[in-house]
PDB file of all heavy atoms in Angstrom:
ATOM      1  N   VAL A   1      58.108 178.022 -36.587  1.00  0.00           N
ATOM      2  CA  VAL A   1      56.660 177.975 -36.795  1.00  0.00           C
ATOM      3  C   VAL A   1      56.012 179.259 -36.282  1.00  0.00           C
ATOM      4  O   VAL A   1      55.114 179.818 -36.921  1.00  0.00           O
ATOM      5  CB  VAL A   1      56.053 176.738 -36.109  1.00  0.00           C
ATOM      6  CG1 VAL A   1      54.524 176.794 -36.152  1.00  0.00           C
ATOM      7  CG2 VAL A   1      56.541 175.455 -36.774  1.00  0.00           C
ATOM      8  N   SER A   2      56.463 179.745 -35.139  1.00  0.00           N
ATOM      9  CA  SER A   2      55.885 180.963 -34.569  1.00  0.00           C
ATOM     10  C   SER A   2      56.121 182.161 -35.479  1.00  0.00           C
ATOM     11  O   SER A   2      55.219 182.975 -35.708  1.00  0.00           O
ATOM     12  CB  SER A   2      56.489 181.243 -33.191  1.00  0.00           C
ATOM     13  OG  SER A   2      56.210 180.186 -32.292  1.00  0.00           O
ATOM     14  N   LEU A   3      57.339 182.284 -36.014  1.00  0.00           N
ATOM     15  CA  LEU A   3      57.653 183.410 -36.882  1.00  0.00           C
ATOM     16  C   LEU A   3      56.895 183.331 -38.207  1.00  0.00           C
ATOM     17  O   LEU A   3      56.376 184.340 -38.697  1.00  0.00           O
ATOM     18  CB  LEU A   3      59.163 183.469 -37.143  1.00  0.00           C
ATOM     19  CG  LEU A   3      60.026 183.869 -35.947  1.00  0.00           C
ATOM     20  CD1 LEU A   3      61.503 183.774 -36.296  1.00  0.00           C
ATOM     21  CD2 LEU A   3      59.683 185.273 -35.479  1.00  0.00           C
ATOM     22  N   THR A   4      56.833 182.137 -38.789  1.00  0.00           N
ATOM     23  CA  THR A   4      56.092 181.996 -40.046  1.00  0.00           C
ATOM     24  C   THR A   4      54.603 182.223 -39.814  1.00  0.00           C
ATOM     25  O   THR A   4      53.910 182.756 -40.692  1.00  0.00           O
ATOM     26  CB  THR A   4      56.332 180.616 -40.679  1.00  0.00           C
ATOM     27  OG1 THR A   4      56.067 179.584 -39.712  1.00  0.00           O
ATOM     28  CG2 THR A   4      57.773 180.479 -41.151  1.00  0.00           C
ATOM     29  N   SER A   5      54.103 181.842 -38.638  1.00  0.00           N
ATOM     30  CA  SER A   5      52.700 182.108 -38.320  1.00  0.00           C
ATOM     31  C   SER A   5      52.460 183.598 -38.150  1.00  0.00           C
ATOM     32  O   SER A   5      51.419 184.130 -38.563  1.00  0.00           O
ATOM     33  CB  SER A   5      52.290 181.375 -37.037  1.00  0.00           C
ATOM     34  OG  SER A   5      52.385 179.980 -37.201  1.00  0.00           O
ATOM     35  N   LEU A   6      53.437 184.295 -37.553  1.00  0.00           N
ATOM     36  CA  LEU A   6      53.323 185.745 -37.403  1.00  0.00           C
ATOM     37  C   LEU A   6      53.233 186.411 -38.765  1.00  0.00           C
ATOM     38  O   LEU A   6      52.379 187.283 -38.999  1.00  0.00           O
ATOM     39  CB  LEU A   6      54.527 186.277 -36.628  1.00  0.00           C
ATOM     40  CG  LEU A   6      54.645 187.804 -36.522  1.00  0.00           C
ATOM     41  CD1 LEU A   6      53.456 188.390 -35.773  1.00  0.00           C
ATOM     42  CD2 LEU A   6      55.953 188.190 -35.838  1.00  0.00           C
ATOM     43  N   ILE A   7      54.095 185.988 -39.690  1.00  0.00           N
ATOM     44  CA  ILE A   7      54.080 186.577 -41.027  1.00  0.00           C
ATOM     45  C   ILE A   7      52.796 186.201 -41.760  1.00  0.00           C
ATOM     46  O   ILE A   7      52.181 187.035 -42.441  1.00  0.00           O
ATOM     47  CB  ILE A   7      55.317 186.130 -41.824  1.00  0.00           C
ATOM     48  CG1 ILE A   7      56.590 186.651 -41.142  1.00  0.00           C
ATOM     49  CG2 ILE A   7      55.240 186.625 -43.256  1.00  0.00           C
ATOM     50  CD1 ILE A   7      56.662 188.153 -41.014  1.00  0.00           C
ATOM     51  N   ALA A   8      52.374 184.935 -41.619  1.00  0.00           N
ATOM     52  CA  ALA A   8      51.135 184.507 -42.274  1.00  0.00           C
ATOM     53  C   ALA A   8      49.938 185.301 -41.765  1.00  0.00           C
ATOM     54  O   ALA A   8      48.984 185.555 -42.512  1.00  0.00           O
ATOM     55  CB  ALA A   8      50.910 183.008 -42.045  1.00  0.00           C
ATOM     56  N   SER A   9      49.998 185.694 -40.491  1.00  0.00           N
ATOM     57  CA  SER A   9      48.882 186.456 -39.929  1.00  0.00           C
ATOM     58  C   SER A   9      48.782 187.856 -40.524  1.00  0.00           C
ATOM     59  O   SER A   9      47.776 188.534 -40.339  1.00  0.00           O
ATOM     60  CB  SER A   9      49.030 186.566 -38.404  1.00  0.00           C
ATOM     61  OG  SER A   9      50.124 187.403 -38.051  1.00  0.00           O
ATOM     62  N   LEU A  10      49.821 188.278 -41.248  1.00  0.00           N
ATOM     63  CA  LEU A  10      49.807 189.606 -41.855  1.00  0.00           C
ATOM     64  C   LEU A  10      49.206 189.621 -43.253  1.00  0.00           C
ATOM     65  O   LEU A  10      49.073 190.699 -43.848  1.00  0.00           O
ATOM     66  CB  LEU A  10      51.238 190.168 -41.925  1.00  0.00           C
ATOM     67  CG  LEU A  10      51.979 190.330 -40.600  1.00  0.00           C
ATOM     68  CD1 LEU A  10      53.387 190.857 -40.862  1.00  0.00           C
ATOM     69  CD2 LEU A  10      51.229 191.260 -39.654  1.00  0.00           C
ATOM     70  N   HIS A  11      48.844 188.465 -43.784  1.00  0.00           N
ATOM     71  CA  HIS A  11      48.374 188.423 -45.169  1.00  0.00           C
ATOM     72  C   HIS A  11      47.054 189.172 -45.361  1.00  0.00           C
ATOM     73  O   HIS A  11      46.721 189.535 -46.493  1.00  0.00           O
ATOM     74  CB  HIS A  11      48.237 186.971 -45.649  1.00  0.00           C
ATOM     75  CG  HIS A  11      49.526 186.409 -46.176  1.00  0.00           C
ATOM     76  ND1 HIS A  11      50.032 186.749 -47.405  1.00  0.00           N
ATOM     77  CD2 HIS A  11      50.409 185.556 -45.622  1.00  0.00           C
ATOM     78  CE1 HIS A  11      51.177 186.122 -47.603  1.00  0.00           C
ATOM     79  NE2 HIS A  11      51.438 185.401 -46.540  1.00  0.00           N
ATOM     80  N   PHE A  12      46.339 189.413 -44.278  1.00  0.00           N
ATOM     81  CA  PHE A  12      45.113 190.206 -44.420  1.00  0.00           C
ATOM     82  C   PHE A  12      45.437 191.649 -44.787  1.00  0.00           C
ATOM     83  O   PHE A  12      44.557 192.394 -45.241  1.00  0.00           O
ATOM     84  CB  PHE A  12      44.299 190.161 -43.124  1.00  0.00           C
ATOM     85  CG  PHE A  12      44.896 190.958 -41.988  1.00  0.00           C
ATOM     86  CD1 PHE A  12      44.507 192.271 -41.765  1.00  0.00           C
ATOM     87  CD2 PHE A  12      45.841 190.400 -41.139  1.00  0.00           C
ATOM     88  CE1 PHE A  12      45.043 193.011 -40.727  1.00  0.00           C
ATOM     89  CE2 PHE A  12      46.386 191.128 -40.101  1.00  0.00           C
ATOM     90  CZ  PHE A  12      45.987 192.433 -39.900  1.00  0.00           C
ATOM     91  N   LEU A  13      46.710 192.053 -44.632  1.00  0.00           N
ATOM     92  CA  LEU A  13      47.093 193.426 -44.943  1.00  0.00           C
ATOM     93  C   LEU A  13      47.173 193.698 -46.441  1.00  0.00           C
ATOM     94  O   LEU A  13      47.521 194.816 -46.837  1.00  0.00           O
ATOM     95  CB  LEU A  13      48.449 193.752 -44.282  1.00  0.00           C
ATOM     96  CG  LEU A  13      48.434 193.768 -42.742  1.00  0.00           C
ATOM     97  CD1 LEU A  13      49.826 193.997 -42.197  1.00  0.00           C
ATOM     98  CD2 LEU A  13      47.471 194.840 -42.227  1.00  0.00           C
ATOM     99  N   ASP A  14      46.869 192.691 -47.260  1.00  0.00           N
ATOM    100  CA  ASP A  14      46.738 192.994 -48.692  1.00  0.00           C
ATOM    101  C   ASP A  14      45.408 193.683 -48.981  1.00  0.00           C
ATOM    102  O   ASP A  14      45.086 193.960 -50.141  1.00  0.00           O
ATOM    103  CB  ASP A  14      46.880 191.725 -49.536  1.00  0.00           C
ATOM    104  CG  ASP A  14      45.649 190.832 -49.473  1.00  0.00           C
ATOM    105  OD1 ASP A  14      44.827 190.991 -48.541  1.00  0.00           O
ATOM    106  OD2 ASP A  14      45.504 189.977 -50.354  1.00  0.00           O
ATOM    107  N   LEU A  15      44.645 193.983 -47.907  1.00  0.00           N
ATOM    108  CA  LEU A  15      43.380 194.723 -47.979  1.00  0.00           C
ATOM    109  C   LEU A  15      42.292 193.966 -48.726  1.00  0.00           C
ATOM    110  O   LEU A  15      41.282 194.549 -49.122  1.00  0.00           O
ATOM    111  CB  LEU A  15      43.583 196.102 -48.642  1.00  0.00           C
ATOM    112  CG  LEU A  15      44.693 196.980 -48.057  1.00  0.00           C
ATOM    113  CD1 LEU A  15      44.803 198.291 -48.824  1.00  0.00           C
ATOM    114  CD2 LEU A  15      44.452 197.229 -46.577  1.00  0.00           C
ATOM    115  N   GLY A  16      42.497 192.657 -48.908  1.00  0.00           N
ATOM    116  CA  GLY A  16      41.498 191.864 -49.626  1.00  0.00           C
ATOM    117  C   GLY A  16      41.510 192.095 -51.119  1.00  0.00           C
ATOM    118  O   GLY A  16      40.612 191.619 -51.827  1.00  0.00           O
ATOM    119  N   ILE A  17      42.540 192.798 -51.636  1.00  0.00           N
ATOM    120  CA  ILE A  17      42.576 193.148 -53.055  1.00  0.00           C
ATOM    121  C   ILE A  17      42.676 191.898 -53.920  1.00  0.00           C
ATOM    122  O   ILE A  17      42.040 191.802 -54.978  1.00  0.00           O
ATOM    123  CB  ILE A  17      43.760 194.092 -53.345  1.00  0.00           C
ATOM    124  CG1 ILE A  17      43.632 195.371 -52.520  1.00  0.00           C
ATOM    125  CG2 ILE A  17      43.828 194.417 -54.839  1.00  0.00           C
ATOM    126  CD1 ILE A  17      42.358 196.134 -52.761  1.00  0.00           C
ATOM    127  N   GLY A  18      43.474 190.918 -53.495  1.00  0.00           N
ATOM    128  CA  GLY A  18      43.631 189.702 -54.285  1.00  0.00           C
ATOM    129  C   GLY A  18      42.321 188.967 -54.487  1.00  0.00           C
ATOM    130  O   GLY A  18      41.978 188.568 -55.609  1.00  0.00           O
ATOM    131  N   ASN A  19      41.570 188.799 -53.413  1.00  0.00           N
ATOM    132  CA  ASN A  19      40.281 188.113 -53.525  1.00  0.00           C
ATOM    133  C   ASN A  19      39.275 188.952 -54.313  1.00  0.00           C
ATOM    134  O   ASN A  19      38.461 188.416 -55.069  1.00  0.00           O
ATOM    135  CB  ASN A  19      39.724 187.810 -52.129  1.00  0.00           C
ATOM    136  CG  ASN A  19      40.510 186.710 -51.431  1.00  0.00           C
ATOM    137  OD1 ASN A  19      41.131 185.877 -52.079  1.00  0.00           O
ATOM    138  ND2 ASN A  19      40.505 186.720 -50.116  1.00  0.00           N
ATOM    139  N   GLY A  20      39.327 190.267 -54.116  1.00  0.00           N
ATOM    140  CA  GLY A  20      38.454 191.123 -54.913  1.00  0.00           C
ATOM    141  C   GLY A  20      38.774 191.040 -56.391  1.00  0.00           C
ATOM    142  O   GLY A  20      37.876 191.096 -57.246  1.00  0.00           O
ATOM    143  N   LEU A  21      40.056 190.869 -56.706  1.00  0.00           N
ATOM    144  CA  LEU A  21      40.465 190.729 -58.103  1.00  0.00           C
ATOM    145  C   LEU A  21      39.899 189.449 -58.709  1.00  0.00           C
ATOM    146  O   LEU A  21      39.474 189.444 -59.872  1.00  0.00           O
ATOM    147  CB  LEU A  21      41.990 190.731 -58.198  1.00  0.00           C
ATOM    148  CG  LEU A  21      42.584 190.583 -59.601  1.00  0.00           C
ATOM    149  CD1 LEU A  21      42.184 191.759 -60.485  1.00  0.00           C
ATOM    150  CD2 LEU A  21      44.113 190.461 -59.524  1.00  0.00           C
ATOM    151  N   VAL A  22      39.891 188.359 -57.947  1.00  0.00           N
ATOM    152  CA  VAL A  22      39.332 187.101 -58.454  1.00  0.00           C
ATOM    153  C   VAL A  22      37.877 187.282 -58.865  1.00  0.00           C
ATOM    154  O   VAL A  22      37.470 186.916 -59.979  1.00  0.00           O
ATOM    155  CB  VAL A  22      39.440 185.982 -57.390  1.00  0.00           C
ATOM    156  CG1 VAL A  22      38.664 184.743 -57.835  1.00  0.00           C
ATOM    157  CG2 VAL A  22      40.887 185.618 -57.149  1.00  0.00           C
ATOM    158  N   THR A  23      37.085 187.846 -57.970  1.00  0.00           N
ATOM    159  CA  THR A  23      35.665 188.040 -58.251  1.00  0.00           C
ATOM    160  C   THR A  23      35.449 188.969 -59.443  1.00  0.00           C
ATOM    161  O   THR A  23      34.629 188.690 -60.329  1.00  0.00           O
ATOM    162  CB  THR A  23      34.965 188.622 -57.008  1.00  0.00           C
ATOM    163  OG1 THR A  23      35.139 187.718 -55.903  1.00  0.00           O
ATOM    164  CG2 THR A  23      33.475 188.805 -57.258  1.00  0.00           C
ATOM    165  N   SER A  24      36.201 190.063 -59.483  1.00  0.00           N
ATOM    166  CA  SER A  24      36.024 191.034 -60.572  1.00  0.00           C
ATOM    167  C   SER A  24      36.489 190.474 -61.905  1.00  0.00           C
ATOM    168  O   SER A  24      35.849 190.704 -62.945  1.00  0.00           O
ATOM    169  CB  SER A  24      36.798 192.320 -60.244  1.00  0.00           C
ATOM    170  OG  SER A  24      36.333 192.903 -59.047  1.00  0.00           O
ATOM    171  N   LEU A  25      37.595 189.726 -61.901  1.00  0.00           N
ATOM    172  CA  LEU A  25      38.075 189.121 -63.143  1.00  0.00           C
ATOM    173  C   LEU A  25      37.099 188.073 -63.665  1.00  0.00           C
ATOM    174  O   LEU A  25      36.890 187.947 -64.876  1.00  0.00           O
ATOM    175  CB  LEU A  25      39.443 188.474 -62.925  1.00  0.00           C
ATOM    176  CG  LEU A  25      40.680 189.355 -63.093  1.00  0.00           C
ATOM    177  CD1 LEU A  25      41.933 188.534 -62.851  1.00  0.00           C
ATOM    178  CD2 LEU A  25      40.715 189.987 -64.469  1.00  0.00           C
ATOM    179  N   ALA A  26      36.499 187.304 -62.753  1.00  0.00           N
ATOM    180  CA  ALA A  26      35.523 186.300 -63.174  1.00  0.00           C
ATOM    181  C   ALA A  26      34.338 186.960 -63.874  1.00  0.00           C
ATOM    182  O   ALA A  26      33.846 186.467 -64.898  1.00  0.00           O
ATOM    183  CB  ALA A  26      35.052 185.483 -61.967  1.00  0.00           C
ATOM    184  N   GLU A  27      33.891 188.090 -63.325  1.00  0.00           N
ATOM    185  CA  GLU A  27      32.785 188.810 -63.954  1.00  0.00           C
ATOM    186  C   GLU A  27      33.192 189.377 -65.318  1.00  0.00           C
ATOM    187  O   GLU A  27      32.443 189.284 -66.298  1.00  0.00           O
ATOM    188  CB  GLU A  27      32.309 189.932 -63.037  1.00  0.00           C
ATOM    189  CG  GLU A  27      31.670 189.436 -61.740  1.00  0.00           C
ATOM    190  CD  GLU A  27      31.261 190.580 -60.833  1.00  0.00           C
ATOM    191  OE1 GLU A  27      31.643 191.731 -61.144  1.00  0.00           O
ATOM    192  OE2 GLU A  27      30.579 190.322 -59.827  1.00  0.00           O
ATOM    193  N   ALA A  28      34.400 189.973 -65.397  1.00  0.00           N
ATOM    194  CA  ALA A  28      34.878 190.528 -66.663  1.00  0.00           C
ATOM    195  C   ALA A  28      35.060 189.428 -67.702  1.00  0.00           C
ATOM    196  O   ALA A  28      34.757 189.609 -68.889  1.00  0.00           O
ATOM    197  CB  ALA A  28      36.195 191.280 -66.442  1.00  0.00           C
ATOM    198  N   HIS A  29      35.532 188.275 -67.255  1.00  0.00           N
ATOM    199  CA  HIS A  29      35.702 187.143 -68.167  1.00  0.00           C
ATOM    200  C   HIS A  29      34.357 186.651 -68.676  1.00  0.00           C
ATOM    201  O   HIS A  29      34.212 186.278 -69.850  1.00  0.00           O
ATOM    202  CB  HIS A  29      36.449 186.014 -67.446  1.00  0.00           C
ATOM    203  CG  HIS A  29      36.691 184.809 -68.289  1.00  0.00           C
ATOM    204  ND1 HIS A  29      37.260 184.873 -69.544  1.00  0.00           N
ATOM    205  CD2 HIS A  29      36.436 183.490 -68.062  1.00  0.00           C
ATOM    206  CE1 HIS A  29      37.362 183.647 -70.056  1.00  0.00           C
ATOM    207  NE2 HIS A  29      36.864 182.801 -69.171  1.00  0.00           N
TER     208      HIS A  29
END
């Protein structure tokens, strides 16, 4: 659990691109 939590804590390192893509794709759609 500790190791998976450590890795999960790194997901912010996607620089928020995934969430930004959702918003931008919704607008383009």
